[in-house]
C-alpha atoms as a PDB file:
ATOM      1  CA  MET A   1     144.063  87.044-208.078  1.00  0.00           C
ATOM      2  CA  MET A   2     141.057  85.259-209.264  1.00  0.00           C
ATOM      3  CA  HIS A   3     139.159  86.026-206.014  1.00  0.00           C
ATOM      4  CA  ARG A   4     139.862  89.810-206.224  1.00  0.00           C
ATOM      5  CA  TYR A   5     138.578  89.732-210.079  1.00  0.00           C
ATOM      6  CA  LYS A   6     135.205  88.298-209.110  1.00  0.00           C
ATOM      7  CA  ASN A   7     134.516  90.483-206.457  1.00  0.00           C
ATOM      8  CA  ALA A   8     135.197  93.576-208.400  1.00  0.00           C
ATOM      9  CA  LEU A   9     132.697  91.824-210.986  1.00  0.00           C
ATOM     10  CA  MET A  10     130.012  91.319-207.750  1.00  0.00           C
ATOM     11  CA  SER A  11     130.666  94.825-206.696  1.00  0.00           C
ATOM     12  CA  GLN A  12     129.695  96.638-210.087  1.00  0.00           C
ATOM     13  CA  ARG A  13     126.319  94.805-211.035  1.00  0.00           C
ATOM     14  CA  GLY A  14     123.058  96.419-210.626  1.00  0.00           C
ATOM     15  CA  PHE A  15     121.888  99.548-208.333  1.00  0.00           C
ATOM     16  CA  SER A  16     122.475 100.576-204.747  1.00  0.00           C
ATOM     17  CA  LEU A  17     119.611 101.580-203.024  1.00  0.00           C
ATOM     18  CA  VAL A  18     120.524 105.632-202.868  1.00  0.00           C
ATOM     19  CA  GLU A  19     121.130 105.348-206.285  1.00  0.00           C
ATOM     20  CA  LEU A  20     117.328 103.938-206.950  1.00  0.00           C
ATOM     21  CA  MET A  21     115.911 106.618-204.627  1.00  0.00           C
ATOM     22  CA  VAL A  22     118.025 109.630-206.152  1.00  0.00           C
ATOM     23  CA  GLY A  23     116.316 108.246-209.793  1.00  0.00           C
ATOM     24  CA  LEU A  24     112.907 108.660-208.162  1.00  0.00           C
ATOM     25  CA  VAL A  25     113.591 111.964-206.569  1.00  0.00           C
ATOM     26  CA  ILE A  26     114.432 112.922-209.921  1.00  0.00           C
ATOM     27  CA  GLY A  27     111.655 111.376-211.745  1.00  0.00           C
ATOM     28  CA  LEU A  28     109.242 112.674-209.353  1.00  0.00           C
ATOM     29  CA  LEU A  29     110.555 116.429-209.694  1.00  0.00           C
ATOM     30  CA  ALA A  30     110.444 115.879-213.677  1.00  0.00           C
ATOM     31  CA  THR A  31     106.786 114.834-213.058  1.00  0.00           C
ATOM     32  CA  LEU A  32     105.928 117.916-210.830  1.00  0.00           C
ATOM     33  CA  VAL A  33     107.624 120.100-213.486  1.00  0.00           C
ATOM     34  CA  ILE A  34     105.701 118.714-216.160  1.00  0.00           C
ATOM     35  CA  VAL A  35     102.082 118.867-214.076  1.00  0.00           C
ATOM     36  CA  GLN A  36     103.056 122.121-213.227  1.00  0.00           C
ATOM     37  CA  VAL A  37     103.604 123.378-216.912  1.00  0.00           C
ATOM     38  CA  PHE A  38     100.669 121.391-218.051  1.00  0.00           C
ATOM     39  CA  SER A  39      98.529 123.577-215.203  1.00  0.00           C
ATOM     40  CA  THR A  40      99.584 126.842-215.817  1.00  0.00           C
ATOM     41  CA  PHE A  41      99.085 126.329-219.685  1.00  0.00           C
ATOM     42  CA  GLU A  42      95.673 124.616-218.949  1.00  0.00           C
ATOM     43  CA  GLU A  43      94.745 127.678-216.945  1.00  0.00           C
ATOM     44  CA  ARG A  44      95.817 130.221-219.343  1.00  0.00           C
ATOM     45  CA  LYS A  45      94.138 128.494-222.191  1.00  0.00           C
ATOM     46  CA  ARG A  46      90.841 128.601-220.278  1.00  0.00           C
ATOM     47  CA  THR A  47      91.247 132.383-219.509  1.00  0.00           C
ATOM     48  CA  THR A  48      92.051 133.258-223.095  1.00  0.00           C
ATOM     49  CA  SER A  49      89.235 130.992-224.204  1.00  0.00           C
ATOM     50  CA  GLY A  50      86.879 132.734-221.713  1.00  0.00           C
ATOM     51  CA  ASN A  51      88.071 135.766-223.043  1.00  0.00           C
ATOM     52  CA  SER A  52      87.215 135.129-226.562  1.00  0.00           C
ATOM     53  CA  ASP A  53      83.684 133.769-225.730  1.00  0.00           C
ATOM     54  CA  ALA A  54      83.236 137.025-224.042  1.00  0.00           C
ATOM     55  CA  GLN A  55      84.431 139.305-227.391  1.00  0.00           C
ATOM     56  CA  THR A  56      82.299 137.003-229.452  1.00  0.00           C
ATOM     57  CA  ASN A  57      79.088 137.262-226.923  1.00  0.00           C
ATOM     58  CA  GLY A  58      79.954 141.265-226.865  1.00  0.00           C
ATOM     59  CA  SER A  59      80.118 141.681-230.101  1.00  0.00           C
ATOM     60  CA  ILE A  60      76.998 139.628-231.109  1.00  0.00           C
ATOM     61  CA  ALA A  61      74.664 141.193-228.430  1.00  0.00           C
ATOM     62  CA  LEU A  62      75.820 144.788-229.510  1.00  0.00           C
ATOM     63  CA  MET A  63      75.201 143.763-233.271  1.00  0.00           C
ATOM     64  CA  SER A  64      71.923 142.550-232.582  1.00  0.00           C
ATOM     65  CA  ILE A  65      70.248 145.409-230.254  1.00  0.00           C
ATOM     66  CA  GLN A  66      72.347 147.977-233.054  1.00  0.00           C
ATOM     67  CA  ARG A  67      70.512 146.365-235.915  1.00  0.00           C
ATOM     68  CA  SER A  68      67.327 146.408-234.203  1.00  0.00           C
ATOM     69  CA  ILE A  69      67.851 150.094-232.946  1.00  0.00           C
ATOM     70  CA  GLN A  70      68.422 151.424-236.390  1.00  0.00           C
ATOM     71  CA  MET A  71      65.256 150.174-237.501  1.00  0.00           C
ATOM     72  CA  ALA A  72      63.106 152.141-235.177  1.00  0.00           C
ATOM     73  CA  GLY A  73      60.201 154.185-236.022  1.00  0.00           C
ATOM     74  CA  TYR A  74      60.712 152.133-239.607  1.00  0.00           C
ATOM     75  CA  GLY A  75      56.536 151.540-240.540  1.00  0.00           C
ATOM     76  CA  LEU A  76      55.365 155.008-238.669  1.00  0.00           C
ATOM     77  CA  PRO A  77      52.895 156.631-241.334  1.00  0.00           C
ATOM     78  CA  LEU A  78      54.855 158.928-243.660  1.00  0.00           C
ATOM     79  CA  PRO A  79      54.986 162.358-241.653  1.00  0.00           C
ATOM     80  CA  MET A  80      56.384 164.243-245.114  1.00  0.00           C
ATOM     81  CA  ALA A  81      52.689 162.866-246.664  1.00  0.00           C
ATOM     82  CA  ASP A  82      50.630 165.027-244.316  1.00  0.00           C
ATOM     83  CA  LYS A  83      52.350 167.614-241.868  1.00  0.00           C
ATOM     84  CA  ASP A  84      48.931 168.644-240.419  1.00  0.00           C
ATOM     85  CA  ASN A  85      48.309 164.737-239.468  1.00  0.00           C
ATOM     86  CA  SER A  86      51.616 163.897-238.845  1.00  0.00           C
ATOM     87  CA  SER A  87      51.843 160.528-236.362  1.00  0.00           C
ATOM     88  CA  LEU A  88      55.166 162.561-234.902  1.00  0.00           C
ATOM     89  CA  LYS A  89      52.603 165.194-233.614  1.00  0.00           C
ATOM     90  CA  CYS A  90      49.995 162.569-232.133  1.00  0.00           C
ATOM     91  CA  ALA A  91      49.222 163.676-228.550  1.00  0.00           C
ATOM     92  CA  ALA A  92      49.574 160.957-225.795  1.00  0.00           C
ATOM     93  CA  PHE A  93      47.246 158.302-225.806  1.00  0.00           C
ATOM     94  CA  ALA A  94      46.586 154.815-224.023  1.00  0.00           C
ATOM     95  CA  ASP A  95      48.726 151.940-224.991  1.00  0.00           C
ATOM     96  CA  TYR A  96      47.157 149.909-227.602  1.00  0.00           C
ATOM     97  CA  ASP A  97      46.310 145.836-226.732  1.00  0.00           C
ATOM     98  CA  PRO A  98      45.832 144.238-230.286  1.00  0.00           C
ATOM     99  CA  ASP A  99      44.291 141.241-228.854  1.00  0.00           C
ATOM    100  CA  ASN A 100      42.687 143.146-225.970  1.00  0.00           C
ATOM    101  CA  ASN A 101      44.083 140.532-223.131  1.00  0.00           C
ATOM    102  CA  PRO A 102      45.767 142.504-220.713  1.00  0.00           C
ATOM    103  CA  ALA A 103      47.551 139.458-219.415  1.00  0.00           C
ATOM    104  CA  THR A 104      49.488 139.116-222.494  1.00  0.00           C
ATOM    105  CA  ASP A 105      51.329 142.046-222.019  1.00  0.00           C
ATOM    106  CA  ASN A 106      51.816 142.871-225.952  1.00  0.00           C
ATOM    107  CA  SER A 107      50.267 146.637-225.464  1.00  0.00           C
ATOM    108  CA  ILE A 108      51.955 149.108-228.208  1.00  0.00           C
ATOM    109  CA  ASN A 109      52.119 152.657-228.728  1.00  0.00           C
ATOM    110  CA  LEU A 110      54.064 155.369-231.130  1.00  0.00           C
ATOM    111  CA  SER A 111      57.016 155.631-229.101  1.00  0.00           C
ATOM    112  CA  PRO A 112      60.093 153.913-231.485  1.00  0.00           C
ATOM    113  CA  LEU A 113      62.363 153.686-228.591  1.00  0.00           C
ATOM    114  CA  VAL A 114      61.915 153.511-224.645  1.00  0.00           C
ATOM    115  CA  ILE A 115      64.618 152.958-222.074  1.00  0.00           C
ATOM    116  CA  LEU A 116      63.424 151.569-218.786  1.00  0.00           C
ATOM    117  CA  ASP A 117      66.091 152.759-216.139  1.00  0.00           C
ATOM    118  CA  GLY A 118      66.956 149.903-214.266  1.00  0.00           C
ATOM    119  CA  ALA A 119      65.829 150.785-210.264  1.00  0.00           C
ATOM    120  CA  ALA A 120      68.639 150.869-207.913  1.00  0.00           C
ATOM    121  CA  ASN A 121      71.846 150.798-210.639  1.00  0.00           C
ATOM    122  CA  ALA A 122      70.241 147.656-212.268  1.00  0.00           C
ATOM    123  CA  SER A 123      70.338 147.211-215.835  1.00  0.00           C
ATOM    124  CA  ASP A 124      68.432 149.184-217.934  1.00  0.00           C
ATOM    125  CA  ARG A 125      66.124 147.583-220.468  1.00  0.00           C
ATOM    126  CA  ILE A 126      65.367 148.860-224.143  1.00  0.00           C
ATOM    127  CA  THR A 127      62.201 148.918-226.191  1.00  0.00           C
ATOM    128  CA  VAL A 128      62.545 149.100-230.197  1.00  0.00           C
ATOM    129  CA  ARG A 129      59.330 149.319-232.228  1.00  0.00           C
ATOM    130  CA  TYR A 130      59.140 149.208-235.693  1.00  0.00           C
ATOM    131  CA  SER A 131      57.087 147.874-238.717  1.00  0.00           C
ATOM    132  CA  THR A 132      58.013 145.032-241.323  1.00  0.00           C
ATOM    133  CA  THR A 133      55.511 146.603-243.704  1.00  0.00           C
ATOM    134  CA  ALA A 134      56.937 147.121-247.390  1.00  0.00           C
ATOM    135  CA  MET A 135      54.440 149.893-248.376  1.00  0.00           C
ATOM    136  CA  GLY A 136      56.061 152.233-245.433  1.00  0.00           C
ATOM    137  CA  ALA A 137      52.631 153.271-243.884  1.00  0.00           C
ATOM    138  CA  VAL A 138      51.677 155.462-246.463  1.00  0.00           C
ATOM    139  CA  PRO A 139      48.396 157.677-245.233  1.00  0.00           C
ATOM    140  CA  THR A 140      45.327 157.814-247.014  1.00  0.00           C
ATOM    141  CA  SER A 141      42.118 159.945-246.331  1.00  0.00           C
ATOM    142  CA  ILE A 142      39.035 158.977-244.822  1.00  0.00           C
ATOM    143  CA  VAL A 143      36.247 159.874-247.116  1.00  0.00           C
ATOM    144  CA  ASN A 144      33.180 158.469-245.086  1.00  0.00           C
ATOM    145  CA  ALA A 145      33.737 157.132-241.687  1.00  0.00           C
ATOM    146  CA  ALA A 146      30.447 155.633-241.163  1.00  0.00           C
ATOM    147  CA  ASN A 147      30.233 151.739-240.783  1.00  0.00           C
ATOM    148  CA  ALA A 148      33.821 151.310-239.752  1.00  0.00           C
ATOM    149  CA  THR A 149      33.025 148.385-238.101  1.00  0.00           C
ATOM    150  CA  ALA A 150      30.561 147.362-240.432  1.00  0.00           C
ATOM    151  CA  PRO A 151      30.695 144.490-242.677  1.00  0.00           C
ATOM    152  CA  ILE A 152      30.981 147.403-245.488  1.00  0.00           C
ATOM    153  CA  GLY A 153      33.548 149.098-243.808  1.00  0.00           C
ATOM    154  CA  LEU A 154      34.748 152.893-243.740  1.00  0.00           C
ATOM    155  CA  VAL A 155      35.657 154.480-247.266  1.00  0.00           C
ATOM    156  CA  LEU A 156      39.137 155.395-247.917  1.00  0.00           C
ATOM    157  CA  SER A 157      40.706 157.367-250.793  1.00  0.00           C
ATOM    158  CA  ASN A 158      42.300 153.738-251.470  1.00  0.00           C
ATOM    159  CA  ASN A 159      43.168 150.733-249.407  1.00  0.00           C
ATOM    160  CA  ILE A 160      46.446 149.889-251.216  1.00  0.00           C
ATOM    161  CA  GLY A 161      49.175 148.280-248.705  1.00  0.00           C
ATOM    162  CA  CYS A 162      46.569 147.466-246.125  1.00  0.00           C
ATOM    163  CA  LYS A 163      46.051 143.563-245.100  1.00  0.00           C
ATOM    164  CA  ASP A 164      44.185 141.952-242.874  1.00  0.00           C
ATOM    165  CA  ASN A 165      45.158 141.979-239.240  1.00  0.00           C
ATOM    166  CA  ASP A 166      47.442 145.226-239.921  1.00  0.00           C
ATOM    167  CA  ILE A 167      48.068 147.645-237.150  1.00  0.00           C
ATOM    168  CA  ALA A 168      46.155 150.779-238.321  1.00  0.00           C
ATOM    169  CA  LEU A 169      46.464 154.332-237.055  1.00  0.00           C
ATOM    170  CA  ILE A 170      44.172 156.997-237.391  1.00  0.00           C
ATOM    171  CA  MET A 171      45.071 160.541-237.360  1.00  0.00           C
ATOM    172  CA  ASN A 172      43.176 164.174-237.133  1.00  0.00           C
ATOM    173  CA  GLY A 173      45.625 166.542-236.229  1.00  0.00           C
ATOM    174  CA  THR A 174      47.306 165.637-232.641  1.00  0.00           C
ATOM    175  CA  VAL A 175      44.171 163.127-231.922  1.00  0.00           C
ATOM    176  CA  CYS A 176      45.129 159.610-233.073  1.00  0.00           C
ATOM    177  CA  ARG A 177      44.190 156.446-232.120  1.00  0.00           C
ATOM    178  CA  MET A 178      45.536 152.599-232.608  1.00  0.00           C
ATOM    179  CA  THR A 179      43.368 150.072-233.878  1.00  0.00           C
ATOM    180  CA  THR A 180      43.650 146.585-236.281  1.00  0.00           C
ATOM    181  CA  VAL A 181      42.460 145.739-239.580  1.00  0.00           C
ATOM    182  CA  ALA A 182      39.740 143.122-239.594  1.00  0.00           C
ATOM    183  CA  ASP A 183      38.982 143.235-243.316  1.00  0.00           C
ATOM    184  CA  ALA A 184      41.170 145.366-245.778  1.00  0.00           C
ATOM    185  CA  ASN A 185      38.449 144.925-248.159  1.00  0.00           C
ATOM    186  CA  GLY A 186      35.398 145.322-246.783  1.00  0.00           C
ATOM    187  CA  ASN A 187      32.267 143.595-248.394  1.00  0.00           C
ATOM    188  CA  PRO A 188      31.808 143.681-250.926  1.00  0.00           C
ATOM    189  CA  ASN A 189      35.620 143.741-252.034  1.00  0.00           C
ATOM    190  CA  THR A 190      36.935 147.034-253.345  1.00  0.00           C
ATOM    191  CA  ASP A 191      39.559 149.266-253.512  1.00  0.00           C
ATOM    192  CA  GLN A 192      38.289 151.861-251.201  1.00  0.00           C
ATOM    193  CA  ASN A 193      36.647 149.971-248.620  1.00  0.00           C
ATOM    194  CA  LEU A 194      38.233 149.095-245.158  1.00  0.00           C
ATOM    195  CA  ARG A 195      36.574 147.521-242.299  1.00  0.00           C
ATOM    196  CA  LEU A 196      38.162 147.750-238.708  1.00  0.00           C
ATOM    197  CA  ILE A 197      37.815 145.628-235.517  1.00  0.00           C
ATOM    198  CA  GLY A 198      34.523 145.866-233.502  1.00  0.00           C
ATOM    199  CA  THR A 199      36.182 147.357-230.647  1.00  0.00           C
ATOM    200  CA  THR A 200      37.260 150.748-232.482  1.00  0.00           C
ATOM    201  CA  PRO A 201      36.316 153.499-230.728  1.00  0.00           C
ATOM    202  CA  VAL A 202      34.280 155.955-232.810  1.00  0.00           C
ATOM    203  CA  GLY A 203      34.040 159.741-233.214  1.00  0.00           C
ATOM    204  CA  ASN A 204      37.296 161.682-233.525  1.00  0.00           C
ATOM    205  CA  PRO A 205      39.996 160.881-234.532  1.00  0.00           C
ATOM    206  CA  LEU A 206      37.437 158.667-236.645  1.00  0.00           C
ATOM    207  CA  ILE A 207      35.989 161.179-238.734  1.00  0.00           C
ATOM    208  CA  ASN A 208      35.793 162.541-242.479  1.00  0.00           C
ATOM    209  CA  ALA A 209      38.667 163.954-243.625  1.00  0.00           C
ATOM    210  CA  ALA A 210      41.174 162.238-241.011  1.00  0.00           C
ATOM    211  CA  LYS A 211      43.658 160.118-242.424  1.00  0.00           C
ATOM    212  CA  LEU A 212      44.301 156.422-242.009  1.00  0.00           C
ATOM    213  CA  ALA A 213      47.840 154.483-242.168  1.00  0.00           C
ATOM    214  CA  CYS A 214      48.063 150.562-241.956  1.00  0.00           C
ATOM    215  CA  MET A 215      51.368 149.949-240.061  1.00  0.00           C
ATOM    216  CA  GLY A 216      51.702 146.182-240.880  1.00  0.00           C
ATOM    217  CA  ASN A 217      53.084 144.004-237.937  1.00  0.00           C
ATOM    218  CA  TRP A 218      53.875 146.868-235.835  1.00  0.00           C
ATOM    219  CA  GLN A 219      55.642 145.242-232.468  1.00  0.00           C
ATOM    220  CA  ASN A 220      57.608 145.272-229.532  1.00  0.00           C
ATOM    221  CA  TYR A 221      61.210 144.038-229.252  1.00  0.00           C
ATOM    222  CA  THR A 222      62.707 144.444-226.119  1.00  0.00           C
ATOM    223  CA  TYR A 223      66.221 143.651-224.621  1.00  0.00           C
ATOM    224  CA  GLN A 224      66.847 143.023-220.796  1.00  0.00           C
ATOM    225  CA  VAL A 225      69.529 141.252-218.763  1.00  0.00           C
ATOM    226  CA  VAL A 226      67.687 138.096-216.737  1.00  0.00           C
ATOM    227  CA  ASN A 227      70.138 136.107-215.054  1.00  0.00           C
ATOM    228  CA  ASN A 228      73.573 136.808-216.621  1.00  0.00           C
ATOM    229  CA  GLU A 229      71.871 136.667-219.821  1.00  0.00           C
ATOM    230  CA  LEU A 230      70.285 139.055-222.824  1.00  0.00           C
ATOM    231  CA  ARG A 231      67.118 138.046-223.730  1.00  0.00           C
ATOM    232  CA  LEU A 232      64.878 139.264-226.657  1.00  0.00           C
ATOM    233  CA  ASN A 233      61.179 139.674-225.629  1.00  0.00           C
ATOM    234  CA  GLY A 234      61.653 137.177-222.710  1.00  0.00           C
ATOM    235  CA  GLN A 235      63.853 134.684-224.859  1.00  0.00           C
ATOM    236  CA  PRO A 236      67.666 134.107-223.921  1.00  0.00           C
ATOM    237  CA  ILE A 237      69.807 135.204-227.070  1.00  0.00           C
ATOM    238  CA  ILE A 238      73.152 135.818-225.627  1.00  0.00           C
ATOM    239  CA  SER A 239      74.883 134.078-222.524  1.00  0.00           C
ATOM    240  CA  GLU A 240      77.418 136.153-219.679  1.00  0.00           C
ATOM    241  CA  VAL A 241      76.044 139.308-220.552  1.00  0.00           C
ATOM    242  CA  VAL A 242      75.780 140.981-216.693  1.00  0.00           C
ATOM    243  CA  ASN A 243      74.559 144.476-217.478  1.00  0.00           C
ATOM    244  CA  LEU A 244      72.944 146.938-220.050  1.00  0.00           C
ATOM    245  CA  GLN A 245      73.026 150.659-219.832  1.00  0.00           C
ATOM    246  CA  ALA A 246      71.746 153.124-222.200  1.00  0.00           C
ATOM    247  CA  GLN A 247      71.221 157.017-222.511  1.00  0.00           C
ATOM    248  CA  TYR A 248      69.241 158.974-224.744  1.00  0.00           C
ATOM    249  CA  GLY A 249      70.934 161.561-227.158  1.00  0.00           C
ATOM    250  CA  ILE A 250      68.602 164.462-227.261  1.00  0.00           C
ATOM    251  CA  SER A 251      68.607 167.772-229.295  1.00  0.00           C
ATOM    252  CA  PRO A 252      67.810 171.330-228.107  1.00  0.00           C
ATOM    253  CA  SER A 253      64.350 170.774-230.533  1.00  0.00           C
ATOM    254  CA  ALA A 254      62.452 168.431-232.431  1.00  0.00           C
ATOM    255  CA  ASP A 255      63.548 170.173-235.484  1.00  0.00           C
ATOM    256  CA  SER A 256      67.271 169.977-234.999  1.00  0.00           C
ATOM    257  CA  ASN A 257      69.351 166.730-235.538  1.00  0.00           C
ATOM    258  CA  GLN A 258      72.291 167.609-233.564  1.00  0.00           C
ATOM    259  CA  VAL A 259      72.838 165.636-230.103  1.00  0.00           C
ATOM    260  CA  ASN A 260      73.848 168.270-227.765  1.00  0.00           C
ATOM    261  CA  GLN A 261      73.273 166.317-224.300  1.00  0.00           C
ATOM    262  CA  TRP A 262      72.944 162.401-223.177  1.00  0.00           C
ATOM    263  CA  VAL A 263      70.448 161.850-220.396  1.00  0.00           C
ATOM    264  CA  ASN A 264      69.401 158.805-218.340  1.00  0.00           C
ATOM    265  CA  ALA A 265      65.611 157.570-218.445  1.00  0.00           C
ATOM    266  CA  ASP A 266      64.896 159.179-215.391  1.00  0.00           C
ATOM    267  CA  GLY A 267      63.074 161.767-213.838  1.00  0.00           C
ATOM    268  CA  ALA A 268      61.419 164.034-216.763  1.00  0.00           C
ATOM    269  CA  TRP A 269      62.664 161.384-219.041  1.00  0.00           C
ATOM    270  CA  ALA A 270      61.201 158.281-217.477  1.00  0.00           C
ATOM    271  CA  ALA A 271      58.190 159.209-219.303  1.00  0.00           C
ATOM    272  CA  PRO A 272      58.686 161.491-221.771  1.00  0.00           C
ATOM    273  CA  SER A 273      56.136 164.571-223.209  1.00  0.00           C
ATOM    274  CA  VAL A 274      55.462 164.189-226.971  1.00  0.00           C
ATOM    275  CA  ALA A 275      57.786 167.173-227.348  1.00  0.00           C
ATOM    276  CA  ASP A 276      60.843 165.525-225.846  1.00  0.00           C
ATOM    277  CA  ARG A 277      60.175 162.292-227.436  1.00  0.00           C
ATOM    278  CA  ASN A 278      60.569 164.158-230.728  1.00  0.00           C
ATOM    279  CA  ARG A 279      63.986 165.381-229.542  1.00  0.00           C
ATOM    280  CA  ILE A 280      65.512 161.944-229.079  1.00  0.00           C
ATOM    281  CA  LYS A 281      67.954 161.899-231.924  1.00  0.00           C
ATOM    282  CA  ALA A 282      70.383 158.829-230.887  1.00  0.00           C
ATOM    283  CA  ILE A 283      71.018 156.194-228.189  1.00  0.00           C
ATOM    284  CA  ARG A 284      74.170 155.428-226.137  1.00  0.00           C
ATOM    285  CA  VAL A 285      74.638 151.908-224.926  1.00  0.00           C
ATOM    286  CA  ALA A 286      77.346 150.102-222.879  1.00  0.00           C
ATOM    287  CA  ILE A 287      77.030 146.064-222.309  1.00  0.00           C
ATOM    288  CA  VAL A 288      78.684 144.409-219.761  1.00  0.00           C
ATOM    289  CA  VAL A 289      79.984 140.790-220.951  1.00  0.00           C
ATOM    290  CA  ARG A 290      81.663 138.384-218.609  1.00  0.00           C
ATOM    291  CA  ASN A 291      84.421 135.635-218.944  1.00  0.00           C
ATOM    292  CA  GLY A 292      82.460 132.376-217.497  1.00  0.00           C
ATOM    293  CA  LEU A 293      85.765 131.449-215.614  1.00  0.00           C
ATOM    294  CA  LEU A 294      85.866 131.770-211.897  1.00  0.00           C
ATOM    295  CA  GLU A 295      89.281 132.547-210.954  1.00  0.00           C
ATOM    296  CA  LYS A 296      91.018 131.539-207.661  1.00  0.00           C
ATOM    297  CA  ALA A 297      92.164 135.248-206.830  1.00  0.00           C
ATOM    298  CA  ASP A 298      90.376 138.526-207.392  1.00  0.00           C
ATOM    299  CA  VAL A 299      91.147 139.772-211.102  1.00  0.00           C
ATOM    300  CA  SER A 300      88.686 142.789-211.018  1.00  0.00           C
ATOM    301  CA  THR A 301      88.410 145.926-209.285  1.00  0.00           C
ATOM    302  CA  ALA A 302      85.827 148.683-208.922  1.00  0.00           C
ATOM    303  CA  CYS A 303      87.065 151.080-211.710  1.00  0.00           C
ATOM    304  CA  SER A 304      88.704 154.099-210.733  1.00  0.00           C
ATOM    305  CA  SER A 305      86.718 156.931-212.636  1.00  0.00           C
ATOM    306  CA  ILE A 306      86.183 160.483-211.190  1.00  0.00           C
ATOM    307  CA  THR A 307      83.074 161.001-213.179  1.00  0.00           C
ATOM    308  CA  ALA A 308      81.253 157.868-212.110  1.00  0.00           C
ATOM    309  CA  ALA A 309      79.421 157.877-208.783  1.00  0.00           C
ATOM    310  CA  ASN A 310      80.989 155.476-206.160  1.00  0.00           C
ATOM    311  CA  PRO A 311      82.239 152.899-208.807  1.00  0.00           C
ATOM    312  CA  THR A 312      80.666 149.663-207.952  1.00  0.00           C
ATOM    313  CA  GLY A 313      82.154 147.690-211.044  1.00  0.00           C
ATOM    314  CA  VAL A 314      83.496 148.098-214.340  1.00  0.00           C
ATOM    315  CA  CYS A 315      83.533 151.932-216.500  1.00  0.00           C
ATOM    316  CA  ALA A 316      82.376 152.605-219.645  1.00  0.00           C
ATOM    317  CA  TRP A 317      82.371 156.132-221.275  1.00  0.00           C
ATOM    318  CA  ASP A 318      83.269 159.083-219.104  1.00  0.00           C
ATOM    319  CA  GLY A 319      81.053 161.737-217.605  1.00  0.00           C
ATOM    320  CA  SER A 320      80.907 165.256-218.783  1.00  0.00           C
ATOM    321  CA  VAL A 321      79.171 168.460-218.968  1.00  0.00           C
ATOM    322  CA  TYR A 322      76.744 166.929-221.928  1.00  0.00           C
ATOM    323  CA  GLY A 323      75.787 163.832-219.630  1.00  0.00           C
ATOM    324  CA  ASP A 324      76.727 161.541-216.825  1.00  0.00           C
ATOM    325  CA  ALA A 325      78.720 158.483-217.065  1.00  0.00           C
ATOM    326  CA  PRO A 326      76.636 155.196-216.478  1.00  0.00           C
ATOM    327  CA  THR A 327      76.552 153.362-212.911  1.00  0.00           C
ATOM    328  CA  ILE A 328      77.577 149.558-213.442  1.00  0.00           C
ATOM    329  CA  ASP A 329      76.678 148.022-210.347  1.00  0.00           C
ATOM    330  CA  LEU A 330      78.223 144.668-210.374  1.00  0.00           C
ATOM    331  CA  THR A 331      77.816 143.759-206.420  1.00  0.00           C
ATOM    332  CA  GLY A 332      75.103 141.492-207.254  1.00  0.00           C
ATOM    333  CA  ILE A 333      77.058 139.156-208.675  1.00  0.00           C
ATOM    334  CA  ALA A 334      78.757 136.532-206.316  1.00  0.00           C
ATOM    335  CA  ASN A 335      82.647 136.726-205.873  1.00  0.00           C
ATOM    336  CA  TRP A 336      82.195 139.401-209.017  1.00  0.00           C
ATOM    337  CA  LYS A 337      85.836 140.356-208.337  1.00  0.00           C
ATOM    338  CA  LYS A 338      87.210 136.996-209.429  1.00  0.00           C
ATOM    339  CA  TYR A 339      85.428 137.074-212.824  1.00  0.00           C
ATOM    340  CA  ARG A 340      87.026 139.055-215.762  1.00  0.00           C
ATOM    341  CA  TYR A 341      84.685 141.400-217.916  1.00  0.00           C
ATOM    342  CA  ARG A 342      84.780 143.235-221.210  1.00  0.00           C
ATOM    343  CA  VAL A 343      82.643 146.677-221.567  1.00  0.00           C
ATOM    344  CA  PHE A 344      80.988 147.234-225.279  1.00  0.00           C
ATOM    345  CA  GLU A 345      79.462 150.546-225.907  1.00  0.00           C
ATOM    346  CA  THR A 346      78.343 152.526-228.962  1.00  0.00           C
ATOM    347  CA  ILE A 347      76.223 155.263-230.035  1.00  0.00           C
ATOM    348  CA  ILE A 348      73.279 154.246-232.613  1.00  0.00           C
ATOM    349  CA  PRO A 349      71.402 157.287-234.523  1.00  0.00           C
ATOM    350  CA  LEU A 350      67.640 156.845-234.595  1.00  0.00           C
ATOM    351  CA  ARG A 351      67.922 157.415-238.642  1.00  0.00           C
ATOM    352  CA  ASN A 352      64.119 157.555-239.161  1.00  0.00           C
ATOM    353  CA  MET A 353      63.774 160.018-236.903  1.00  0.00           C
ATOM    354  CA  LEU A 354      66.532 161.928-238.117  1.00  0.00           C
ATOM    355  CA  TRP A 355      64.828 161.977-241.659  1.00  0.00           C
ATOM    356  CA  SER A 356      61.739 163.552-239.975  1.00  0.00           C
ATOM    357  CA  LYS A 357      62.730 166.382-238.377  1.00  0.00           C
ATOM    358  CA  ASP A 358      61.206 168.777-240.804  1.00  0.00           C
ATOM    359  CA  ALA A 359      57.715 167.410-240.209  1.00  0.00           C
ATOM    360  CA  VAL A 360      57.869 167.581-236.076  1.00  0.00           C
END
């Protein structure tokens, strides 16, 4: 009896090898499930975070461009002050280089907004021009054009609002020139004299009874996409921006503010005439922003737009009789289908041009 009792106790002590292996298998399966859940969660979290970053980047990029474009043309001489000598009627003239150094690439002209169409379906480039002058570039009459570059300077009705190194626009009907103010008060210091830099051309339009307006710091602000980042005047400002497309919104005539057509900046609109330039009343912009996460499988495909010619990327607005759909080509990006994209688009009116319609 005692012998059988001891054997029963011995048979119930510890685990058998089979039980141990079953326990290990259960533990491994549990670990595998936990790792799988964690991996899936982490993958989705990265995708969600990437989408959030793309949303933020796109919103900031669009806001930055929109804010600049809304200022386009500010600081042009007030066209209503003298319709016969309006800056909007100036015939085309050579770009002005303020430092007279071609290597610095800072030439300027009167065009408030210029789109440079991207070659071979590449991103477009947008250049906005406006001034920071608080005086609004009020034109004043030239009383005596002699001695414009001499120390005494030319004689104006008044030089209020002009400062040293301001960009000045001289207007005589449709003949205009840009130059720089060397001394805003001349020598001796008066409220009528103003000296221009020595390279200022003499003669028409620099004659008596012409108009002169100090435009302050008239500069270029250029937005373009380089190496998948949005740059302002060559400096990176927003990452993961992969494409930028833009179109002019034009009116049937310069004195109309109703946009009836959208055109790309190619053909006749690559370098529009003065008359056509004054028909530009708005701009339509599309910005493509990428989620920086490279997925394992394809997550994006060419859009199925029936109005875009041979879609090779995502789509923006649809084409119509009023304008073509933009061509967004993403094939230049390695494994472009393994990234997720968001498209941000808007229409921005050129308010300074809209307010000037009665002066063109």
